[in-house]
Amino acid sequence: MEFVIGLSIALILGIIPANIAKNKGKDFMTWYIYGVLLWIVAIIHAICLPDPSKEDNAKQNIVLLNAQGTSEIPEEIDINANALVEQTIFSMNDNQVFVNCNIRNLSLDKTIVAVKASGKMLNSFDNEIVVNGNSETGVLLQDLNIMPGETGKNRIEVLLPDNEIRKLNLHIDQIKYSDGTIWNNNTSHMVPTCQNRLSEKYLEYAKKYSSKARYHSAIKTDYWQCVCGFANRIESNSCPFCGFEKRNAEIFDLSNIDTNYESYQESKRLKAEEAKKANKKKMTMGLIASAVFAMVIIIILAMPKIKNQIAKRYIEAGNYDKAISLLETMDIDDSQTSLLFRSVHLKKGFSLLEKGECEEAAEEFKQISTNIFSALDGIEYKYPHDVVEDLLRVDDSNDVKALAYEFANQLAQNEYEKAIETYDLLGDYEDCKEKATNLKYEFILRYKDYITYGNRSILERYLNELSEINYKDSNKILEDLFG
């Protein structure tokens, strides 16, 4: 209940600051919400708002008549003056005419605080106005603070002696600076400005030197005209309006500009060609760099395959040590490289077994995997068959079997027993059973007529095995030899 009452009061009170603000030209609804939410602040704020109607009443008698000159460059200037009247602004109040002047400080190091100027009084038709027998009037501008090279105006408008005045051809008579010094213009010298406008084709060229370029520059006897149109004292080295330097004035002189413009165009063309060549060179270098980079990437990606191919050739040629050295420089985790690494150690190991170098062969096999290393480590091998048997026990993969098969085929030439044992180890691989059977029969035929203490048991074992499968005449030979 208390909340509802408080809200109702706030909604009513909010109307007061809203009405005050509305009467002063503000939006009612905005101020109403403001008043409801923050009544004390809003009412004080609304009361303190300026009343536009009072301001209009205060200004209703002031009429802006005209502005003579511009904020740029006047039609003529006094080149002996240390300041320039850029613009005179006329206004009327209570049937009296006032003037306000924009003054540019041409000094390089002093601040202007006051200016005395004088000039002829004219009406809108450029007719002279005479007051008390005099067609000229003086204007005193005080309380100025115009920094070197800058433009400022008097804060208080100056009353003119006649309400028909609409133009003043003012020239500077005296200047007072902030350091207390006073400059007197004893010899006024008016010269024209903005002579000989540049044609469109030269503007781009001229704007390279000054963004305000509009006119041909010219060097006269006692002054020089800048490309911005401003007339400078002959001893001035740069223009205060745009910064253009006097040493470049001859470039845009009416008599020289055609030649200089042609040189500029030629220079521009050469620079464009150089830029084109530079861009082409950059593009070429970029393409070369890209090609080199791509080639490096391709080589990096292809290098393992290239090395693998070289390693394969070494292996095929029997240069196992070279192949191993090459593969050790590569990533063994790569599947293709890993297979080659395994293959070269297997082949080198079996080549050593063929030479009867069992220990060396076992060392090669140990390089293949930790399982093989554990199975063969610490064992002193004397017979190649023992190495192969232990190898097949821990690794009966096809590549091991293939090499063991080739190894058995080599042994079959003159070492029947070892070859037979290897074939038996290989079991069902290829035609190992058939070869083992044939080799056992050949062994029996070779030694059946030469039975010794050493081969007797072997002959009997082979004959029993062959008899079980009724191989050829093994049963008859067994009966003849061992009853």
Protein backbone atom coordinates (compact mmCIF):
# COMPACT_ATOMS: atom_id res chain seq x y z
CA MET A 1 0.00 0.00 0.00
CA GLU A 2 2.81 2.41 0.94
CA PHE A 3 4.59 1.57 -2.33
CA VAL A 4 1.49 2.41 -4.37
CA ILE A 5 1.07 5.77 -2.60
CA GLY A 6 4.75 6.65 -3.10
CA LEU A 7 4.59 5.72 -6.78
CA SER A 8 1.47 7.84 -7.29
CA ILE A 9 3.14 10.88 -5.71
CA ALA A 10 6.23 10.39 -7.90
CA LEU A 11 4.08 10.17 -11.04
CA ILE A 12 2.36 13.46 -10.16
CA LEU A 13 5.52 15.33 -9.12
CA GLY A 14 7.29 14.26 -12.34
CA ILE A 15 4.98 16.57 -14.28
CA ILE A 16 6.56 19.71 -12.72
CA PRO A 17 10.15 19.40 -14.12
CA ALA A 18 8.71 18.03 -17.41
CA ASN A 19 6.58 21.18 -17.90
CA ILE A 20 9.47 23.50 -17.05
CA ALA A 21 11.73 21.67 -19.54
CA LYS A 22 9.01 21.66 -22.21
CA ASN A 23 8.65 25.45 -21.94
CA LYS A 24 12.39 25.66 -22.61
CA GLY A 25 12.16 23.55 -25.77
CA LYS A 26 12.90 20.08 -24.34
CA ASP A 27 10.99 16.82 -24.84
CA PHE A 28 8.19 16.43 -22.26
CA MET A 29 8.16 12.62 -22.00
CA THR A 30 11.94 12.33 -21.57
CA TRP A 31 11.89 14.86 -18.75
CA TYR A 32 8.76 13.32 -17.21
CA ILE A 33 10.51 9.94 -16.82
CA TYR A 34 13.60 11.79 -15.54
CA GLY A 35 11.39 13.62 -12.98
CA VAL A 36 9.64 10.45 -11.79
CA LEU A 37 12.92 8.62 -11.21
CA LEU A 38 15.06 11.49 -9.85
CA TRP A 39 12.66 14.33 -8.94
CA ILE A 40 15.03 16.51 -6.86
CA VAL A 41 17.81 16.35 -9.45
CA ALA A 42 15.39 16.83 -12.37
CA ILE A 43 13.64 19.91 -10.90
CA ILE A 44 16.99 21.65 -10.21
CA HIS A 45 18.26 20.69 -13.68
CA ALA A 46 15.09 21.97 -15.38
CA ILE A 47 15.22 25.33 -13.56
CA CYS A 48 18.88 25.80 -14.59
CA LEU A 49 18.21 25.16 -18.28
CA PRO A 50 18.73 28.27 -20.49
CA ASP A 51 15.56 29.87 -21.83
CA PRO A 52 15.78 30.08 -25.65
CA SER A 53 13.07 32.72 -25.81
CA LYS A 54 15.16 35.12 -23.71
CA GLU A 55 18.21 34.48 -25.84
CA ASP A 56 16.19 35.15 -28.99
CA ASN A 57 14.91 38.42 -27.51
CA ALA A 58 18.45 39.45 -26.70
CA LYS A 59 19.56 38.71 -30.27
CA GLN A 60 16.49 39.79 -32.17
CA ASN A 61 17.97 43.21 -32.93
CA ILE A 62 21.30 41.74 -34.23
CA VAL A 63 21.32 41.14 -37.99
CA LEU A 64 24.24 39.61 -39.92
CA LEU A 65 24.71 41.86 -42.92
CA ASN A 66 27.53 40.32 -44.97
CA ALA A 67 31.02 38.86 -44.82
CA GLN A 68 33.79 40.48 -46.88
CA GLY A 69 36.66 38.21 -47.91
CA THR A 70 37.12 34.52 -47.02
CA SER A 71 39.08 32.44 -44.57
CA GLU A 72 41.45 31.68 -47.46
CA ILE A 73 43.34 34.39 -49.38
CA PRO A 74 42.10 37.97 -50.01
CA GLU A 75 42.21 39.50 -53.48
CA GLU A 76 45.13 41.75 -52.52
CA ILE A 77 47.40 42.02 -49.51
CA ASP A 78 49.90 44.41 -48.00
CA ILE A 79 53.18 42.51 -48.31
CA ASN A 80 54.88 44.89 -45.88
CA ALA A 81 52.45 43.95 -43.09
CA ASN A 82 53.21 41.36 -40.42
CA ALA A 83 49.52 40.42 -40.28
CA LEU A 84 46.72 39.95 -42.74
CA VAL A 85 43.00 40.83 -42.54
CA GLU A 86 41.53 37.67 -44.04
CA GLN A 87 37.85 38.42 -43.49
CA THR A 88 35.58 41.23 -42.23
CA ILE A 89 32.13 40.25 -40.94
CA PHE A 90 29.43 42.96 -40.67
CA SER A 91 26.36 42.87 -38.41
CA MET A 92 23.66 45.35 -37.36
CA ASN A 93 22.11 45.89 -33.93
CA ASP A 94 19.71 48.70 -33.09
CA ASN A 95 20.43 50.39 -36.43
CA GLN A 96 24.18 50.39 -35.73
CA VAL A 97 26.75 48.48 -37.84
CA PHE A 98 29.52 46.48 -36.21
CA VAL A 99 32.53 44.66 -37.70
CA ASN A 100 34.45 41.58 -36.65
CA CYS A 101 37.79 40.74 -38.32
CA ASN A 102 39.70 37.51 -38.87
CA ILE A 103 43.42 38.25 -38.59
CA ARG A 104 46.24 35.94 -39.74
CA ASN A 105 49.56 36.31 -37.91
CA LEU A 106 52.38 36.30 -40.48
CA SER A 107 55.09 36.42 -37.83
CA LEU A 108 57.17 33.29 -37.31
CA ASP A 109 57.84 33.71 -33.61
CA LYS A 110 55.56 36.32 -32.01
CA THR A 111 51.98 36.25 -30.68
CA ILE A 112 49.64 39.12 -31.60
CA VAL A 113 47.58 40.71 -28.79
CA ALA A 114 46.25 43.85 -30.54
CA VAL A 115 45.92 45.27 -34.06
CA LYS A 116 45.21 48.74 -35.43
CA ALA A 117 43.88 48.81 -38.99
CA SER A 118 42.36 51.46 -41.26
CA GLY A 119 40.68 51.57 -44.62
CA LYS A 120 38.10 53.10 -46.88
CA MET A 121 34.42 52.81 -46.03
CA LEU A 122 32.21 51.54 -48.87
CA ASN A 123 28.58 50.62 -49.35
CA SER A 124 27.30 47.60 -51.26
CA PHE A 125 27.86 49.45 -54.57
CA ASP A 126 31.49 50.23 -53.66
CA ASN A 127 30.64 53.90 -53.25
CA GLU A 128 32.75 55.75 -50.73
CA ILE A 129 31.05 56.78 -47.50
CA VAL A 130 32.26 60.05 -46.02
CA VAL A 131 31.88 60.73 -42.31
CA ASN A 132 32.92 64.13 -40.99
CA GLY A 133 34.79 64.79 -44.23
CA ASN A 134 36.78 61.54 -44.07
CA SER A 135 36.24 58.40 -46.21
CA GLU A 136 38.51 56.27 -44.08
CA THR A 137 37.96 54.86 -40.60
CA GLY A 138 40.15 53.13 -38.08
CA VAL A 139 39.48 49.76 -36.41
CA LEU A 140 41.07 48.78 -33.09
CA LEU A 141 41.10 45.05 -32.33
CA GLN A 142 42.13 44.18 -28.77
CA ASP A 143 42.26 41.23 -26.40
CA LEU A 144 43.65 39.00 -29.15
CA ASN A 145 45.79 35.90 -28.73
CA ILE A 146 46.88 34.91 -32.23
CA MET A 147 49.81 32.49 -32.32
CA PRO A 148 52.48 32.64 -35.10
CA GLY A 149 51.09 31.41 -38.43
CA GLU A 150 47.53 31.09 -37.06
CA THR A 151 44.26 32.97 -37.57
CA GLY A 152 42.12 34.59 -34.83
CA LYS A 153 39.42 37.24 -34.41
CA ASN A 154 38.46 39.96 -31.96
CA ARG A 155 36.09 38.84 -29.21
CA ILE A 156 34.15 42.16 -29.09
CA GLU A 157 32.66 43.57 -32.31
CA VAL A 158 33.80 47.07 -33.30
CA LEU A 159 31.17 49.82 -33.86
CA LEU A 160 31.47 51.58 -37.23
CA PRO A 161 30.70 55.31 -37.68
CA ASP A 162 27.93 54.88 -40.29
CA ASN A 163 25.19 52.29 -40.65
CA GLU A 164 25.54 52.23 -44.46
CA ILE A 165 29.01 50.66 -44.36
CA ARG A 166 29.12 47.20 -45.96
CA LYS A 167 32.80 47.00 -47.01
CA LEU A 168 36.12 48.03 -45.52
CA ASN A 169 39.38 47.91 -47.50
CA LEU A 170 41.49 47.47 -44.37
CA HIS A 171 45.27 47.49 -44.12
CA ILE A 172 47.31 46.90 -40.98
CA ASP A 173 48.82 50.04 -39.39
CA GLN A 174 50.14 48.74 -36.06
CA ILE A 175 50.59 45.38 -34.32
CA LYS A 176 51.29 44.79 -30.66
CA TYR A 177 52.88 41.48 -29.65
CA SER A 178 52.74 39.58 -26.39
CA ASP A 179 56.37 40.52 -25.64
CA GLY A 180 55.37 44.22 -25.58
CA THR A 181 56.96 45.18 -28.89
CA ILE A 182 54.97 47.24 -31.40
CA TRP A 183 55.32 46.96 -35.16
CA ASN A 184 54.45 49.99 -37.28
CA ASN A 185 53.58 49.74 -40.95
CA ASN A 186 55.19 52.85 -42.31
CA THR A 187 55.01 51.91 -45.98
CA SER A 188 51.94 49.99 -47.10
CA HIS A 189 52.38 48.07 -50.37
CA MET A 190 49.30 46.32 -51.73
CA VAL A 191 49.83 43.57 -54.31
CA PRO A 192 47.35 41.24 -56.08
CA THR A 193 47.04 37.57 -55.16
CA CYS A 194 45.78 34.42 -56.89
CA GLN A 195 47.07 35.31 -60.36
CA ASN A 196 47.10 32.83 -63.30
CA ARG A 197 45.12 29.76 -62.26
CA LEU A 198 46.68 26.39 -63.06
CA SER A 199 45.02 24.24 -65.74
CA GLU A 200 43.61 20.87 -64.66
CA LYS A 201 46.47 18.88 -66.17
CA TYR A 202 49.04 20.59 -63.91
CA LEU A 203 47.10 20.29 -60.64
CA GLU A 204 48.20 16.75 -59.78
CA TYR A 205 51.83 17.77 -60.40
CA ALA A 206 51.52 20.92 -58.25
CA LYS A 207 49.73 19.15 -55.42
CA LYS A 208 52.86 17.01 -54.96
CA TYR A 209 54.39 20.19 -53.53
CA SER A 210 51.34 21.77 -51.86
CA SER A 211 47.88 20.37 -51.20
CA LYS A 212 46.47 23.90 -51.65
CA ALA A 213 48.03 24.43 -55.09
CA ARG A 214 45.71 26.35 -57.47
CA TYR A 215 47.87 28.93 -59.29
CA HIS A 216 51.11 29.38 -61.17
CA SER A 217 53.92 30.51 -58.93
CA ALA A 218 55.82 33.65 -59.88
CA ILE A 219 58.81 35.59 -58.59
CA LYS A 220 58.43 39.35 -58.89
CA THR A 221 60.81 42.18 -58.01
CA ASP A 222 59.54 42.70 -54.46
CA TYR A 223 57.40 39.60 -53.77
CA TRP A 224 56.74 36.06 -54.97
CA GLN A 225 53.42 34.32 -55.48
CA CYS A 226 52.98 30.84 -54.06
CA VAL A 227 51.07 28.05 -55.86
CA CYS A 228 48.29 28.54 -53.29
CA GLY A 229 47.92 32.12 -54.61
CA PHE A 230 49.31 33.93 -51.57
CA ALA A 231 51.77 36.82 -52.18
CA ASN A 232 54.88 36.54 -49.98
CA ARG A 233 57.63 38.98 -49.22
CA ILE A 234 60.61 38.45 -51.49
CA GLU A 235 62.82 37.52 -48.52
CA SER A 236 60.39 34.84 -47.23
CA ASN A 237 61.62 31.28 -47.94
CA SER A 238 58.28 29.56 -47.43
CA CYS A 239 54.59 30.39 -47.67
CA PRO A 240 52.77 30.76 -44.30
CA PHE A 241 49.51 29.61 -45.89
CA CYS A 242 50.60 26.22 -47.23
CA GLY A 243 54.30 25.71 -46.47
CA PHE A 244 55.35 25.77 -50.15
CA GLU A 245 59.06 26.62 -50.46
CA LYS A 246 60.29 29.56 -52.52
CA ARG A 247 63.09 27.47 -54.09
CA ASN A 248 60.40 25.46 -55.94
CA ALA A 249 58.62 28.54 -57.29
CA GLU A 250 60.44 28.45 -60.65
CA ILE A 251 59.05 24.96 -61.31
CA PHE A 252 55.49 26.25 -61.66
CA ASP A 253 56.32 29.56 -63.28
CA LEU A 254 54.19 30.18 -66.34
CA SER A 255 57.24 30.09 -68.64
CA ASN A 256 58.79 26.92 -67.19
CA ILE A 257 55.91 24.66 -66.27
CA ASP A 258 55.55 22.89 -69.64
CA THR A 259 59.17 21.72 -69.63
CA ASN A 260 59.05 20.79 -65.96
CA TYR A 261 55.74 18.99 -66.40
CA GLU A 262 57.17 16.87 -69.25
CA SER A 263 60.13 15.98 -67.02
CA TYR A 264 57.70 15.12 -64.24
CA GLN A 265 55.66 12.89 -66.57
CA GLU A 266 58.81 11.15 -67.81
CA SER A 267 59.99 10.66 -64.23
CA LYS A 268 56.55 9.34 -63.33
CA ARG A 269 56.67 6.93 -66.29
CA LEU A 270 60.15 5.70 -65.33
CA LYS A 271 59.06 5.22 -61.74
CA ALA A 272 56.00 3.29 -62.93
CA GLU A 273 58.25 1.08 -65.09
CA GLU A 274 60.64 0.57 -62.19
CA ALA A 275 57.72 -0.27 -59.91
CA LYS A 276 56.41 -2.67 -62.56
CA LYS A 277 59.84 -4.30 -62.85
CA ALA A 278 60.13 -4.44 -59.07
CA ASN A 279 56.69 -6.04 -58.81
CA LYS A 280 57.58 -8.48 -61.58
CA LYS A 281 60.84 -9.28 -59.82
CA LYS A 282 59.01 -9.75 -56.53
CA MET A 283 56.48 -11.98 -58.27
CA THR A 284 59.28 -13.98 -59.92
CA MET A 285 61.14 -14.28 -56.65
CA GLY A 286 57.90 -15.29 -54.97
CA LEU A 287 57.29 -17.97 -57.59
CA ILE A 288 60.88 -19.20 -57.29
CA ALA A 289 60.62 -19.22 -53.50
CA SER A 290 57.31 -21.08 -53.74
CA ALA A 291 58.79 -23.57 -56.18
CA VAL A 292 61.85 -24.11 -53.99
CA PHE A 293 59.65 -24.46 -50.94
CA ALA A 294 57.41 -26.94 -52.76
CA MET A 295 60.46 -28.84 -53.96
CA VAL A 296 61.88 -28.98 -50.45
CA ILE A 297 58.55 -30.25 -49.13
CA ILE A 298 58.38 -32.85 -51.89
CA ILE A 299 61.95 -33.94 -51.19
CA ILE A 300 61.26 -34.11 -47.47
CA LEU A 301 58.14 -36.15 -48.08
CA ALA A 302 59.78 -38.31 -50.76
CA MET A 303 63.13 -38.77 -48.97
CA PRO A 304 62.04 -41.81 -46.94
CA LYS A 305 60.82 -43.50 -50.13
CA ILE A 306 64.04 -42.60 -51.96
CA LYS A 307 66.17 -43.93 -49.13
CA ASN A 308 64.03 -47.06 -48.93
CA GLN A 309 64.58 -47.67 -52.66
CA ILE A 310 68.34 -47.24 -52.23
CA ALA A 311 68.28 -49.58 -49.22
CA LYS A 312 66.39 -52.19 -51.29
CA ARG A 313 69.05 -52.04 -53.98
CA TYR A 314 71.78 -52.49 -51.38
CA ILE A 315 69.92 -55.50 -49.96
CA GLU A 316 69.40 -57.03 -53.41
CA ALA A 317 73.12 -56.56 -54.12
CA GLY A 318 74.02 -58.14 -50.78
CA ASN A 319 75.49 -54.91 -49.37
CA TYR A 320 73.74 -55.43 -46.05
CA ASP A 321 76.02 -53.16 -44.01
CA LYS A 322 75.41 -50.19 -46.34
CA ALA A 323 71.67 -50.81 -46.21
CA ILE A 324 71.72 -50.96 -42.41
CA SER A 325 73.76 -47.72 -42.17
CA LEU A 326 71.28 -45.95 -44.44
CA LEU A 327 68.20 -47.25 -42.61
CA GLU A 328 69.62 -46.21 -39.23
CA THR A 329 69.48 -42.56 -40.41
CA MET A 330 65.73 -42.88 -40.97
CA ASP A 331 62.61 -43.13 -38.85
CA ILE A 332 62.42 -46.83 -37.98
CA ASP A 333 58.83 -46.33 -36.85
CA ASP A 334 57.83 -45.81 -40.49
CA SER A 335 56.15 -49.03 -41.64
CA GLN A 336 58.09 -49.39 -44.91
CA THR A 337 61.41 -48.56 -43.26
CA SER A 338 60.65 -50.96 -40.41
CA LEU A 339 60.01 -53.80 -42.87
CA LEU A 340 63.27 -53.10 -44.68
CA PHE A 341 65.16 -52.89 -41.37
CA ARG A 342 63.80 -56.30 -40.41
CA SER A 343 64.47 -57.73 -43.86
CA VAL A 344 68.10 -56.63 -44.03
CA HIS A 345 68.93 -58.07 -40.60
CA LEU A 346 67.19 -61.36 -41.46
CA LYS A 347 69.01 -61.68 -44.77
CA LYS A 348 72.35 -60.72 -43.29
CA GLY A 349 71.77 -63.20 -40.47
CA PHE A 350 70.99 -66.07 -42.84
CA SER A 351 73.97 -65.16 -45.05
CA LEU A 352 76.15 -65.49 -41.95
CA LEU A 353 74.53 -68.83 -41.10
CA GLU A 354 75.47 -70.09 -44.57
CA LYS A 355 79.06 -69.22 -43.71
CA GLY A 356 78.73 -71.02 -40.39
CA GLU A 357 79.07 -67.78 -38.34
CA CYS A 358 76.34 -68.64 -35.84
CA GLU A 359 77.12 -66.09 -33.12
CA GLU A 360 77.28 -63.23 -35.65
CA ALA A 361 74.02 -64.40 -37.21
CA ALA A 362 72.31 -64.50 -33.81
CA GLU A 363 73.43 -60.90 -33.16
CA GLU A 364 71.81 -59.78 -36.41
CA PHE A 365 68.54 -61.54 -35.54
CA LYS A 366 68.54 -59.90 -32.12
CA GLN A 367 68.31 -56.46 -33.80
CA ILE A 368 64.88 -57.28 -35.22
CA SER A 369 62.72 -57.30 -32.08
CA THR A 370 62.86 -57.48 -28.32
CA ASN A 371 61.22 -60.95 -28.43
CA ILE A 372 63.97 -62.36 -30.63
CA PHE A 373 66.59 -60.59 -28.53
CA SER A 374 65.24 -62.22 -25.35
CA ALA A 375 65.09 -65.67 -27.01
CA LEU A 376 68.63 -65.61 -28.45
CA ASP A 377 70.50 -63.51 -25.91
CA GLY A 378 73.09 -65.28 -23.77
CA ILE A 379 73.15 -68.49 -25.85
CA GLU A 380 76.39 -69.70 -27.43
CA TYR A 381 75.50 -71.19 -30.79
CA LYS A 382 77.71 -73.67 -32.63
CA TYR A 383 75.31 -74.99 -35.25
CA PRO A 384 73.26 -72.86 -37.70
CA HIS A 385 70.27 -75.18 -37.32
CA ASP A 386 70.05 -74.32 -33.62
CA VAL A 387 69.90 -70.60 -34.39
CA VAL A 388 67.14 -71.16 -36.97
CA GLU A 389 65.22 -73.39 -34.56
CA ASP A 390 65.25 -70.74 -31.81
CA LEU A 391 64.40 -68.02 -34.33
CA LEU A 392 61.38 -69.91 -35.67
CA ARG A 393 60.23 -70.65 -32.14
CA VAL A 394 59.73 -66.94 -31.38
CA ASP A 395 59.01 -65.64 -34.91
CA ASP A 396 57.34 -67.95 -37.41
CA SER A 397 56.27 -65.15 -39.77
CA ASN A 398 56.38 -65.78 -43.50
CA ASP A 399 59.52 -63.72 -44.13
CA VAL A 400 61.45 -65.75 -41.55
CA LYS A 401 60.05 -68.99 -42.95
CA ALA A 402 60.96 -67.94 -46.51
CA LEU A 403 64.58 -67.29 -45.55
CA ALA A 404 64.71 -70.48 -43.45
CA TYR A 405 63.31 -72.36 -46.47
CA GLU A 406 66.07 -70.96 -48.71
CA PHE A 407 68.62 -71.80 -46.01
CA ALA A 408 67.32 -75.41 -45.88
CA ASN A 409 67.56 -75.67 -49.68
CA GLN A 410 71.22 -74.64 -49.44
CA LEU A 411 71.89 -77.23 -46.73
CA ALA A 412 70.19 -79.92 -48.82
CA GLN A 413 73.14 -79.82 -51.22
CA ASN A 414 75.52 -81.54 -48.81
CA GLU A 415 74.16 -81.54 -45.24
CA TYR A 416 71.14 -83.80 -45.37
CA GLU A 417 70.55 -84.06 -41.64
CA LYS A 418 70.56 -80.27 -40.97
CA ALA A 419 68.43 -79.61 -44.03
CA ILE A 420 65.92 -82.29 -42.97
CA GLU A 421 65.72 -80.82 -39.46
CA THR A 422 65.09 -77.34 -40.89
CA TYR A 423 62.38 -78.65 -43.23
CA ASP A 424 60.76 -80.44 -40.29
CA LEU A 425 60.82 -77.16 -38.29
CA LEU A 426 59.05 -75.39 -41.15
CA GLY A 427 56.31 -78.04 -41.16
CA ASP A 428 53.54 -77.23 -43.65
CA TYR A 429 55.35 -74.25 -45.20
CA GLU A 430 55.51 -74.61 -49.00
CA ASP A 431 56.74 -78.16 -49.92
CA CYS A 432 58.88 -78.65 -46.81
CA LYS A 433 57.25 -81.99 -45.84
CA GLU A 434 57.74 -83.39 -49.34
CA LYS A 435 61.34 -82.19 -49.48
CA ALA A 436 62.08 -83.56 -46.02
CA THR A 437 60.65 -86.97 -47.05
CA ASN A 438 62.63 -87.05 -50.32
CA LEU A 439 65.81 -85.99 -48.57
CA LYS A 440 65.40 -88.70 -45.91
CA TYR A 441 65.02 -91.31 -48.65
CA GLU A 442 68.14 -90.01 -50.42
CA PHE A 443 70.03 -90.19 -47.12
CA ILE A 444 68.91 -93.85 -46.69
CA LEU A 445 69.96 -94.78 -50.22
CA ARG A 446 73.34 -93.12 -49.76
CA TYR A 447 74.22 -94.73 -46.42
CA LYS A 448 72.31 -98.08 -46.38
CA ASP A 449 75.35 -99.92 -47.63
CA TYR A 450 77.67 -97.98 -45.33
CA ILE A 451 76.12 -98.31 -41.91
CA THR A 452 78.32 -97.02 -39.12
CA TYR A 453 77.92 -96.49 -35.46
CA GLY A 454 77.30 -92.82 -36.08
CA ASN A 455 74.57 -93.11 -38.74
CA ARG A 456 72.82 -96.31 -37.67
CA SER A 457 70.28 -94.67 -35.38
CA ILE A 458 69.57 -91.92 -37.91
CA LEU A 459 68.96 -94.51 -40.69
CA GLU A 460 66.65 -96.52 -38.50
CA ARG A 461 64.66 -93.40 -37.46
CA TYR A 462 64.27 -92.20 -41.04
CA LEU A 463 63.18 -95.69 -42.23
CA ASN A 464 60.57 -95.95 -39.48
CA GLU A 465 59.16 -92.54 -40.42
CA LEU A 466 58.98 -93.41 -44.12
CA SER A 467 57.53 -96.85 -43.46
CA GLU A 468 54.65 -95.29 -41.57
CA ILE A 469 53.62 -93.51 -44.74
CA ASN A 470 54.59 -96.47 -47.02
CA TYR A 471 57.03 -94.31 -48.92
CA LYS A 472 58.41 -96.21 -51.90
CA ASP A 473 60.36 -99.34 -50.77
CA SER A 474 61.15 -98.05 -47.28
CA ASN A 475 59.42 -101.07 -45.64
CA LYS A 476 61.60 -103.56 -47.57
CA ILE A 477 64.83 -101.64 -46.81
CA LEU A 478 63.88 -101.46 -43.10
CA GLU A 479 63.28 -105.25 -43.10
CA ASP A 480 66.54 -105.98 -44.89
CA LEU A 481 68.65 -103.76 -42.64
CA PHE A 482 67.11 -104.13 -39.20
CA GLY A 483 64.90 -107.28 -39.48
